[in-house]
Protein backbone atom coordinates (compact mmCIF):
# COMPACT_ATOMS: atom_id res chain seq x y z
CA MET A 1 9.72 3.72 19.14
CA PHE A 2 6.25 2.96 17.80
CA VAL A 3 5.52 4.34 14.33
CA ASP A 4 2.15 3.53 12.74
CA LYS A 5 2.06 5.81 9.68
CA THR A 6 4.69 6.78 7.14
CA LYS A 7 5.14 7.74 3.49
CA ILE A 8 7.69 6.08 1.22
CA TYR A 9 8.78 6.02 -2.44
CA VAL A 10 8.93 2.74 -4.37
CA LYS A 11 10.20 2.08 -7.89
CA GLY A 12 10.32 -1.12 -9.88
CA GLY A 13 13.54 -1.83 -11.73
CA ASP A 14 13.89 -0.69 -15.33
CA GLY A 15 14.03 -3.36 -18.00
CA GLY A 16 17.38 -4.08 -19.61
CA ASP A 17 18.03 -2.75 -23.11
CA GLY A 18 17.90 -4.97 -26.14
CA ILE A 19 21.05 -4.84 -28.30
CA VAL A 20 22.04 -4.77 -31.93
CA SER A 21 24.41 -7.60 -32.75
CA PHE A 22 25.23 -9.88 -35.70
CA ARG A 23 26.66 -13.36 -36.03
CA ARG A 24 30.39 -13.39 -36.59
CA GLU A 25 31.18 -17.11 -36.79
CA LYS A 26 33.81 -18.43 -39.13
CA TYR A 27 32.43 -19.90 -42.36
CA VAL A 28 29.20 -17.90 -41.94
CA PRO A 29 29.86 -15.06 -44.41
CA MET A 30 26.41 -13.45 -44.14
CA GLY A 31 25.52 -13.92 -40.47
CA GLY A 32 22.11 -12.62 -39.51
CA PRO A 33 21.00 -10.57 -36.50
CA ALA A 34 21.86 -12.02 -33.08
CA GLY A 35 21.03 -9.27 -30.57
CA GLY A 36 19.20 -10.62 -27.51
CA ASP A 37 16.42 -9.10 -25.43
CA GLY A 38 17.03 -7.27 -22.18
CA GLY A 39 15.98 -8.81 -18.87
CA ARG A 40 12.94 -7.76 -16.86
CA GLY A 41 13.46 -5.28 -14.00
CA GLY A 42 12.80 -6.40 -10.44
CA ASN A 43 9.46 -5.88 -8.72
CA VAL A 44 9.10 -4.17 -5.33
CA ILE A 45 7.21 -6.69 -3.21
CA PHE A 46 5.83 -6.15 0.29
CA ARG A 47 5.86 -9.28 2.46
CA VAL A 48 4.24 -9.66 5.88
CA ASP A 49 6.62 -10.57 8.70
CA GLU A 50 5.06 -11.37 12.09
CA GLY A 51 8.35 -10.47 13.77
CA LEU A 52 7.68 -6.78 13.08
CA ARG A 53 5.26 -4.71 15.17
CA THR A 54 5.95 -1.18 13.99
CA LEU A 55 6.84 0.85 10.89
CA VAL A 56 9.84 2.45 12.58
CA ASP A 57 12.29 1.08 9.98
CA PHE A 58 10.61 3.19 7.30
CA ARG A 59 11.42 6.36 9.23
CA TYR A 60 15.10 5.91 8.33
CA GLN A 61 14.74 4.42 4.83
CA LYS A 62 12.09 5.99 2.63
CA HIS A 63 13.25 5.07 -0.89
CA PHE A 64 13.08 1.54 -2.27
CA LYS A 65 14.31 0.89 -5.81
CA ALA A 66 14.45 -2.59 -7.32
CA PRO A 67 17.47 -3.49 -9.50
CA ARG A 68 17.50 -3.11 -13.28
CA GLY A 69 17.42 -6.04 -15.70
CA ASP A 70 20.63 -6.93 -17.57
CA LYS A 71 21.18 -5.87 -21.16
CA GLY A 72 20.68 -8.39 -23.95
CA ARG A 73 23.72 -10.30 -25.18
CA ASN A 74 25.10 -11.36 -28.50
CA LYS A 75 24.46 -14.82 -29.97
CA SER A 76 20.72 -14.23 -29.33
CA GLN A 77 21.09 -14.52 -25.57
CA HIS A 78 18.63 -12.76 -23.27
CA GLY A 79 19.84 -10.57 -20.43
CA ALA A 80 19.17 -11.90 -16.95
CA ASN A 81 16.01 -10.83 -15.12
CA ALA A 82 16.68 -8.76 -12.00
CA GLU A 83 15.84 -10.11 -8.57
CA ASP A 84 12.76 -8.75 -6.86
CA MET A 85 13.19 -6.41 -3.90
CA ILE A 86 11.42 -7.82 -0.82
CA VAL A 87 10.30 -5.21 1.72
CA ARG A 88 9.16 -6.66 5.07
CA VAL A 89 6.14 -5.06 6.74
CA PRO A 90 4.28 -5.89 9.97
CA PRO A 91 0.88 -7.63 9.88
CA GLY A 92 -1.96 -5.12 9.73
CA THR A 93 -0.24 -2.82 7.21
CA VAL A 94 -2.53 -1.00 4.77
CA VAL A 95 -0.83 0.35 1.62
CA VAL A 96 -2.46 3.45 0.09
CA ASP A 97 -1.52 5.18 -3.18
CA ASP A 98 -0.57 8.74 -2.20
CA ASP A 99 -1.90 10.29 -5.43
CA THR A 100 -5.26 8.53 -5.79
CA GLN A 101 -5.82 7.57 -2.12
CA GLU A 102 -6.83 4.09 -3.32
CA ILE A 103 -6.05 1.10 -1.14
CA ILE A 104 -3.44 -0.98 -2.97
CA ALA A 105 -3.23 -3.78 -0.42
CA ASP A 106 -4.37 -4.78 3.05
CA LEU A 107 -1.74 -7.12 4.48
CA THR A 108 -2.76 -9.26 7.44
CA ARG A 109 -1.38 -12.83 7.10
CA GLN A 110 2.13 -14.10 7.76
CA GLY A 111 3.99 -14.46 4.45
CA GLN A 112 1.34 -12.58 2.44
CA GLU A 113 2.89 -10.79 -0.54
CA VAL A 114 1.79 -8.11 -2.99
CA ILE A 115 3.60 -6.37 -5.84
CA ILE A 116 3.58 -2.64 -5.10
CA ALA A 117 5.71 -1.48 -8.06
CA LYS A 118 6.19 -3.67 -11.11
CA GLY A 119 9.50 -3.91 -12.89
CA GLY A 120 9.74 -2.87 -16.55
CA ARG A 121 9.90 -5.33 -19.41
CA GLY A 122 13.18 -5.80 -21.19
CA GLY A 123 13.72 -4.19 -24.58
CA ARG A 124 13.77 -6.36 -27.69
CA GLY A 125 17.02 -7.01 -29.51
CA ASN A 126 17.45 -6.73 -33.28
CA ILE A 127 16.75 -10.45 -33.78
CA ARG A 128 13.08 -9.59 -33.08
CA PHE A 129 12.87 -7.09 -35.97
CA ALA A 130 14.22 -9.24 -38.81
CA THR A 131 11.84 -9.40 -41.79
CA ALA A 132 12.08 -10.54 -45.39
CA ALA A 133 12.40 -6.91 -46.47
CA ASN A 134 15.06 -6.13 -43.86
CA PRO A 135 16.85 -9.35 -42.78
CA ALA A 136 19.62 -7.50 -40.89
CA PRO A 137 17.98 -4.64 -38.97
CA GLU A 138 20.05 -2.27 -36.87
CA LEU A 139 17.13 -1.76 -34.55
CA ALA A 140 16.57 -2.47 -30.83
CA GLU A 141 14.49 -1.18 -27.93
CA HIS A 142 15.29 0.39 -24.58
CA GLY A 143 14.01 -1.41 -21.54
CA GLU A 144 10.68 -0.24 -20.18
CA GLU A 145 10.83 2.00 -17.13
CA GLY A 146 9.77 0.42 -13.86
CA GLU A 147 6.59 1.56 -12.18
CA GLU A 148 7.11 4.23 -9.53
CA ARG A 149 4.81 5.76 -6.92
CA TRP A 150 4.62 7.30 -3.47
CA VAL A 151 2.65 5.17 -1.03
CA VAL A 152 1.40 5.75 2.50
CA LEU A 153 1.73 2.87 4.96
CA GLU A 154 -0.77 2.74 7.80
CA LEU A 155 -0.42 0.16 10.54
CA LYS A 156 -3.58 -1.13 12.19
CA VAL A 157 -2.51 -3.12 15.23
CA MET A 158 -3.39 -6.82 14.97
CA ALA A 159 -4.66 -7.80 18.43
CA ASP A 160 -7.29 -10.25 19.64
CA VAL A 161 -8.55 -7.91 22.35
CA GLY A 162 -8.47 -4.12 22.32
CA LEU A 163 -8.84 -2.02 25.47
CA VAL A 164 -10.86 1.15 24.84
CA GLY A 165 -12.17 3.87 27.11
CA PHE A 166 -11.72 7.46 28.20
CA PRO A 167 -8.26 8.59 29.38
CA SER A 168 -7.23 7.56 32.91
CA VAL A 169 -9.80 4.77 33.36
CA GLY A 170 -7.10 2.17 34.01
CA LYS A 171 -6.44 0.51 30.63
CA SER A 172 -2.64 0.57 30.93
CA THR A 173 -2.78 -0.68 34.52
CA LEU A 174 -4.97 -3.59 33.45
CA LEU A 175 -2.59 -4.56 30.65
CA SER A 176 0.39 -4.43 33.02
CA VAL A 177 -1.43 -6.72 35.47
CA VAL A 178 -2.44 -9.42 32.98
CA SER A 179 0.71 -9.48 30.79
CA SER A 180 4.44 -8.77 30.84
CA ALA A 181 3.93 -5.53 28.95
CA LYS A 182 5.26 -2.40 30.68
CA PRO A 183 3.11 0.48 29.43
CA LYS A 184 3.64 3.95 30.83
CA ILE A 185 1.24 4.58 33.74
CA GLY A 186 0.50 7.98 35.22
CA ALA A 187 -2.22 9.97 36.98
CA TYR A 188 -2.83 12.26 34.02
CA HIS A 189 -4.63 12.12 30.67
CA PHE A 190 -3.05 10.57 27.60
CA THR A 191 -0.29 8.76 29.43
CA THR A 192 -0.56 6.27 26.56
CA ILE A 193 -0.11 7.93 23.18
CA THR A 194 0.78 4.82 21.16
CA PRO A 195 -0.65 1.27 21.30
CA ASN A 196 0.97 -1.22 23.68
CA LEU A 197 0.74 -4.95 23.03
CA GLY A 198 0.95 -7.78 25.53
CA VAL A 199 0.47 -11.55 25.38
CA VAL A 200 -2.04 -12.61 28.04
CA GLU A 201 -1.75 -16.11 29.55
CA VAL A 202 -5.24 -17.05 30.71
CA GLY A 203 -3.91 -19.74 33.05
CA ASP A 204 -5.33 -22.89 31.46
CA GLY A 205 -2.85 -23.13 28.60
CA ARG A 206 -4.70 -20.62 26.46
CA SER A 207 -3.46 -17.15 25.51
CA PHE A 208 -4.31 -14.13 23.38
CA VAL A 209 -2.85 -10.77 22.37
CA MET A 210 -4.23 -7.68 24.11
CA ALA A 211 -3.68 -4.08 23.00
CA ASP A 212 -3.87 -1.04 25.27
CA LEU A 213 -5.05 1.65 22.87
CA PRO A 214 -4.74 5.40 23.50
CA GLY A 215 -7.68 7.04 25.31
CA LEU A 216 -10.59 8.36 23.32
CA ILE A 217 -12.34 11.69 23.77
CA GLU A 218 -15.58 13.05 22.38
CA GLY A 219 -15.24 14.02 18.70
CA ALA A 220 -12.41 11.55 18.03
CA HIS A 221 -14.10 10.31 14.81
CA THR A 222 -13.46 13.76 13.30
CA GLY A 223 -9.79 13.66 14.31
CA ILE A 224 -10.05 15.55 17.63
CA GLY A 225 -7.41 14.51 20.18
CA LEU A 226 -5.62 11.37 19.01
CA GLY A 227 -8.67 10.77 16.78
CA HIS A 228 -7.92 8.67 13.74
CA GLU A 229 -4.46 7.83 15.08
CA PHE A 230 -6.26 5.68 17.65
CA LEU A 231 -9.44 4.60 15.90
CA ARG A 232 -7.79 2.78 13.01
CA HIS A 233 -6.26 0.32 15.47
CA VAL A 234 -9.66 -0.59 16.91
CA GLU A 235 -10.73 -1.87 13.46
CA ARG A 236 -8.37 -4.84 13.76
CA THR A 237 -9.35 -6.07 17.22
CA ARG A 238 -11.68 -9.08 17.30
CA ILE A 239 -13.13 -8.20 20.71
CA ILE A 240 -13.47 -4.83 22.42
CA VAL A 241 -12.99 -4.66 26.18
CA HIS A 242 -14.53 -1.34 27.18
CA VAL A 243 -12.88 -0.15 30.41
CA VAL A 244 -15.13 2.13 32.47
CA ASP A 245 -14.22 4.04 35.63
CA MET A 246 -17.17 2.78 37.70
CA ALA A 247 -16.21 4.92 40.69
CA GLY A 248 -16.46 8.14 38.63
CA THR A 249 -13.26 9.40 40.22
CA GLU A 250 -13.10 12.48 37.96
CA GLY A 251 -16.74 13.38 38.43
CA ARG A 252 -17.88 11.78 35.16
CA ASP A 253 -20.88 9.51 34.82
CA PRO A 254 -19.80 5.91 33.94
CA PHE A 255 -22.85 5.27 31.75
CA GLU A 256 -22.42 8.52 29.79
CA ASP A 257 -18.74 7.66 29.23
CA TRP A 258 -19.74 4.25 27.86
CA VAL A 259 -22.37 5.76 25.53
CA LYS A 260 -20.02 8.45 24.17
CA ILE A 261 -17.21 6.01 23.40
CA ASN A 262 -19.59 3.65 21.59
CA GLU A 263 -20.94 6.57 19.56
CA GLU A 264 -17.41 7.56 18.53
CA LEU A 265 -16.66 4.00 17.43
CA GLU A 266 -19.86 3.75 15.38
CA LEU A 267 -19.38 7.17 13.76
CA TYR A 268 -15.89 6.15 12.68
CA ASN A 269 -16.91 2.72 11.36
CA GLU A 270 -20.43 1.30 11.56
CA LYS A 271 -19.08 -2.25 11.78
CA LEU A 272 -17.52 -1.46 15.16
CA ALA A 273 -21.02 -1.17 16.63
CA GLU A 274 -21.46 -4.90 15.94
CA ARG A 275 -18.06 -5.94 17.31
CA PRO A 276 -18.30 -8.25 20.37
CA GLN A 277 -17.81 -6.20 23.53
CA ILE A 278 -17.18 -6.80 27.22
CA VAL A 279 -17.48 -3.96 29.75
CA ALA A 280 -14.72 -4.02 32.37
CA ALA A 281 -16.22 -2.07 35.31
CA ASN A 282 -12.91 -0.92 36.80
CA LYS A 283 -11.97 0.66 40.16
CA MET A 284 -14.52 -1.42 42.10
CA ASP A 285 -12.30 -1.05 45.19
CA MET A 286 -13.33 2.62 45.39
CA PRO A 287 -16.26 3.97 47.48
CA GLU A 288 -19.67 4.19 45.79
CA ALA A 289 -18.55 1.90 42.92
CA GLU A 290 -21.07 -0.82 43.87
CA GLU A 291 -23.96 1.61 43.79
CA GLN A 292 -22.84 3.02 40.43
CA LEU A 293 -22.47 -0.52 39.03
CA ALA A 294 -26.12 -1.39 39.76
CA ILE A 295 -27.31 1.83 38.07
CA PHE A 296 -24.97 1.21 35.14
CA LYS A 297 -26.24 -2.33 34.46
CA GLU A 298 -29.84 -1.17 34.52
CA LYS A 299 -29.18 1.66 32.06
CA VAL A 300 -27.24 -0.62 29.71
CA ARG A 301 -30.16 -3.08 29.60
CA ASP A 302 -32.52 -0.21 28.72
CA LYS A 303 -30.14 1.30 26.15
CA THR A 304 -29.30 -1.68 23.98
CA SER A 305 -30.81 -4.95 22.89
CA ARG A 306 -27.35 -6.55 22.68
CA ASP A 307 -26.27 -8.99 25.36
CA ILE A 308 -23.23 -7.21 26.84
CA ASP A 309 -21.31 -8.74 29.72
CA VAL A 310 -20.40 -6.33 32.52
CA VAL A 311 -17.54 -7.69 34.62
CA PRO A 312 -16.66 -5.81 37.86
CA ILE A 313 -12.89 -5.64 38.32
CA SER A 314 -10.16 -3.78 40.13
CA SER A 315 -6.83 -3.56 38.30
CA LEU A 316 -5.23 -2.46 41.59
CA THR A 317 -6.38 -5.43 43.73
CA LYS A 318 -6.79 -7.82 40.74
CA MET A 319 -10.35 -8.56 41.84
CA GLY A 320 -12.40 -10.01 38.93
CA VAL A 321 -9.47 -9.81 36.49
CA GLN A 322 -9.26 -13.59 36.02
CA GLU A 323 -12.98 -13.82 35.30
CA LEU A 324 -12.57 -11.09 32.66
CA LEU A 325 -9.78 -13.05 30.97
CA TYR A 326 -11.83 -16.25 30.89
CA LYS A 327 -14.80 -14.43 29.34
CA ALA A 328 -12.59 -12.82 26.69
CA MET A 329 -10.90 -16.13 25.83
CA ASP A 330 -14.21 -18.03 25.59
CA MET A 331 -15.61 -15.32 23.32
CA LEU A 332 -12.54 -15.41 21.09
CA GLU A 333 -12.83 -19.16 20.59
CA GLN A 334 -16.35 -18.71 19.26
CA LEU A 335 -15.29 -16.17 16.63
CA PRO A 336 -13.81 -16.90 13.19
CA GLU A 337 -10.03 -16.89 13.15
CA ALA A 338 -9.50 -14.45 10.31
CA PRO A 339 -10.20 -10.74 11.00
CA GLU A 340 -12.34 -8.72 8.64
CA VAL A 341 -10.27 -6.74 6.18
CA GLU A 342 -11.15 -4.16 3.57
CA GLU A 343 -11.29 -5.04 -0.09
CA VAL A 344 -8.02 -4.62 -1.96
CA ALA A 345 -8.26 -2.17 -4.84
CA GLU A 346 -7.48 -3.53 -8.28
CA VAL A 347 -4.12 -2.26 -9.54
CA GLU A 348 -4.53 -0.97 -13.09
CA GLU A 349 -2.38 -2.82 -15.60
CA ARG A 350 -0.01 -0.54 -17.46
CA LYS A 351 -0.20 -0.28 -21.24
CA ILE A 352 2.88 -1.56 -23.06
CA TYR A 353 3.48 0.05 -26.43
CA ARG A 354 5.57 -1.96 -28.86
CA PHE A 355 6.39 -1.44 -32.53
CA ASP A 356 3.66 -3.59 -34.03
CA LYS A 357 0.25 -3.27 -35.64
CA LYS A 358 -1.48 -3.06 -32.26
CA ALA A 359 0.49 0.03 -31.35
CA GLN A 360 -0.18 1.59 -34.73
CA SER A 361 -3.90 1.05 -34.25
CA GLN A 362 -3.80 3.25 -31.12
CA SER A 363 -4.38 6.27 -33.33
CA GLU A 364 -5.49 8.76 -30.66
CA PHE A 365 -3.29 11.84 -30.71
CA THR A 366 -3.61 15.61 -30.46
CA ILE A 367 -1.64 18.35 -32.18
CA ARG A 368 -1.33 21.88 -30.88
CA ARG A 369 0.75 24.82 -31.95
CA GLU A 370 3.25 26.73 -29.80
CA ASN A 371 4.44 29.75 -31.80
CA GLU A 372 6.23 28.19 -34.81
CA MET A 373 6.42 24.72 -33.27
CA PHE A 374 3.88 21.89 -33.46
CA VAL A 375 3.49 19.66 -30.40
CA VAL A 376 2.19 16.12 -30.91
CA GLU A 377 0.71 14.54 -27.77
CA SER A 378 -0.09 10.84 -27.64
CA GLU A 379 0.46 8.27 -24.91
CA ALA A 380 1.11 5.56 -27.50
CA ILE A 381 3.59 7.57 -29.57
CA GLU A 382 5.50 8.88 -26.54
CA GLY A 383 5.66 5.36 -25.15
CA MET A 384 7.10 4.00 -28.40
CA LEU A 385 9.57 6.87 -28.66
CA LYS A 386 10.92 6.12 -25.18
CA ARG A 387 11.39 2.47 -26.12
CA LEU A 388 13.07 2.95 -29.48
CA GLN A 389 16.86 3.41 -29.61
CA MET A 390 16.95 6.40 -31.94
CA ASN A 391 20.61 6.10 -32.84
CA SER A 392 20.30 4.29 -36.18
CA HIS A 393 18.82 4.90 -39.62
CA ASP A 394 16.58 1.84 -39.24
CA ALA A 395 15.09 3.20 -36.01
CA ILE A 396 14.29 6.57 -37.59
CA LEU A 397 12.64 4.89 -40.57
CA LYS A 398 10.62 2.64 -38.28
CA PHE A 399 9.39 5.56 -36.23
CA ALA A 400 8.50 7.64 -39.30
CA ARG A 401 6.53 4.77 -40.85
CA THR A 402 4.59 4.34 -37.62
CA LEU A 403 3.63 8.04 -37.55
CA ARG A 404 2.61 7.93 -41.21
CA LYS A 405 0.36 4.90 -40.66
CA MET A 406 -1.25 6.60 -37.66
CA GLY A 407 -1.99 9.67 -39.79
CA VAL A 408 0.22 12.08 -37.84
CA ASP A 409 2.18 13.49 -40.81
CA GLU A 410 -0.99 14.02 -42.86
CA GLU A 411 -2.58 15.93 -39.98
CA LEU A 412 0.57 18.04 -39.57
CA ARG A 413 0.40 19.05 -43.23
CA LYS A 414 -3.24 20.06 -42.78
CA ARG A 415 -2.22 22.24 -39.84
CA GLY A 416 0.40 24.00 -41.96
CA ALA A 417 3.66 22.11 -41.26
CA THR A 418 6.24 22.62 -44.01
CA ASP A 419 9.93 21.87 -44.61
CA GLY A 420 11.96 22.82 -41.54
CA THR A 421 9.02 23.07 -39.14
CA ILE A 422 10.00 21.86 -35.67
CA ILE A 423 7.87 19.02 -34.30
CA ARG A 424 8.05 18.15 -30.60
CA ILE A 425 6.97 14.75 -29.27
CA GLY A 426 7.59 14.21 -25.56
CA GLU A 427 11.16 15.27 -24.82
CA PHE A 428 12.29 14.97 -28.46
CA GLU A 429 12.29 17.56 -31.23
CA PHE A 430 12.36 16.76 -34.96
CA GLU A 431 12.52 18.70 -38.19
CA PHE A 432 9.62 18.08 -40.57
CA VAL A 433 10.79 17.23 -44.10
CA GLU A 434 8.11 17.47 -46.79
CA GLY A 435 8.01 14.56 -49.21
CA SER A 436 10.39 12.42 -47.13
CA SER A 437 9.56 9.09 -45.49
CA TYR A 438 10.92 10.29 -42.17
CA TYR A 439 11.47 13.41 -40.04
């Protein structure tokens, strides 16, 4: 089964929690804090594997979650970092963020890797919060949550030569003649609905990969017919072999077919108009093909200034097929090895909010009222609240001091907050206490 587009969920591993711990050695009567930091969560990494040719595996597994980092340990020992989750993808895979539609990565080379979802940092243990004023803090952080997102994977077939043309012009037959590939062949339109790949042995020790791509129709660049499902694969081919039914067996004009297909390619991607192209004038064993070929060559010369080779062939009798292969191979050897790929979008670095002066300086917040409740909204404050383990007196004091330094409590008083007023921040609710150093 050939699958070339799918949507999956990825999540980096959460960081391990820091812990509160104290030294308990003999002969150390006043042991200080010894709680270690949590380990980093694993990343979700996509790695290119040339052994894969389709995204079919992602049809059956759509969720990928990296493991969580270990908790911190006593005696100031850090928790172990989690191992990264490696997800193998075929060459030619484009990774797109489902929410923003930005391209995260364009993976083309064997072994190429990219981090799709970063693991969270580990939380700090209480050894990190010791100060002269509080040498034995009962304070630690939760591990940061791993990054999570839905991504769309699109496979653009990586082939040296791509066969394009209207339906039923003989593309699949040609591929079956020159390679060991066994594409479906039939006397009706759209026999091929997914790309077929075959390795072509030229006969002099050289070889290349050829793709039989589904037939185009007019309006394909707008999505008509197989539309974009086909056109994205053409972007990866280094050479286009344009197969034309020179006998006009279905009453169509060979030259008009050639013009329409080229227009569809250019409308989809302007760069395809500059892609090296060979015209395979197929079905030359049919009556009137020779006459049509002469007219075709003359019209092509008048239509374009590009030097386009027109090779008469017959996939049925194999006439001219070897010459076509030699021309394609010679052209490939003159082209750069690496295919053109799109730029990879920069992945925005996430903000990490810790309990320090930098976090306190992020003083942007908003306060709104919901009936008798005040709601404080701030990315920095909510981030700190998620990190802090709010199960100790030290943690509550730390959080309250941070809000006071940011000016939150002063603003609440101005808005009318008094003793007993409920304050909501993120998923937490607190009771405002006037004159106290904490909520």
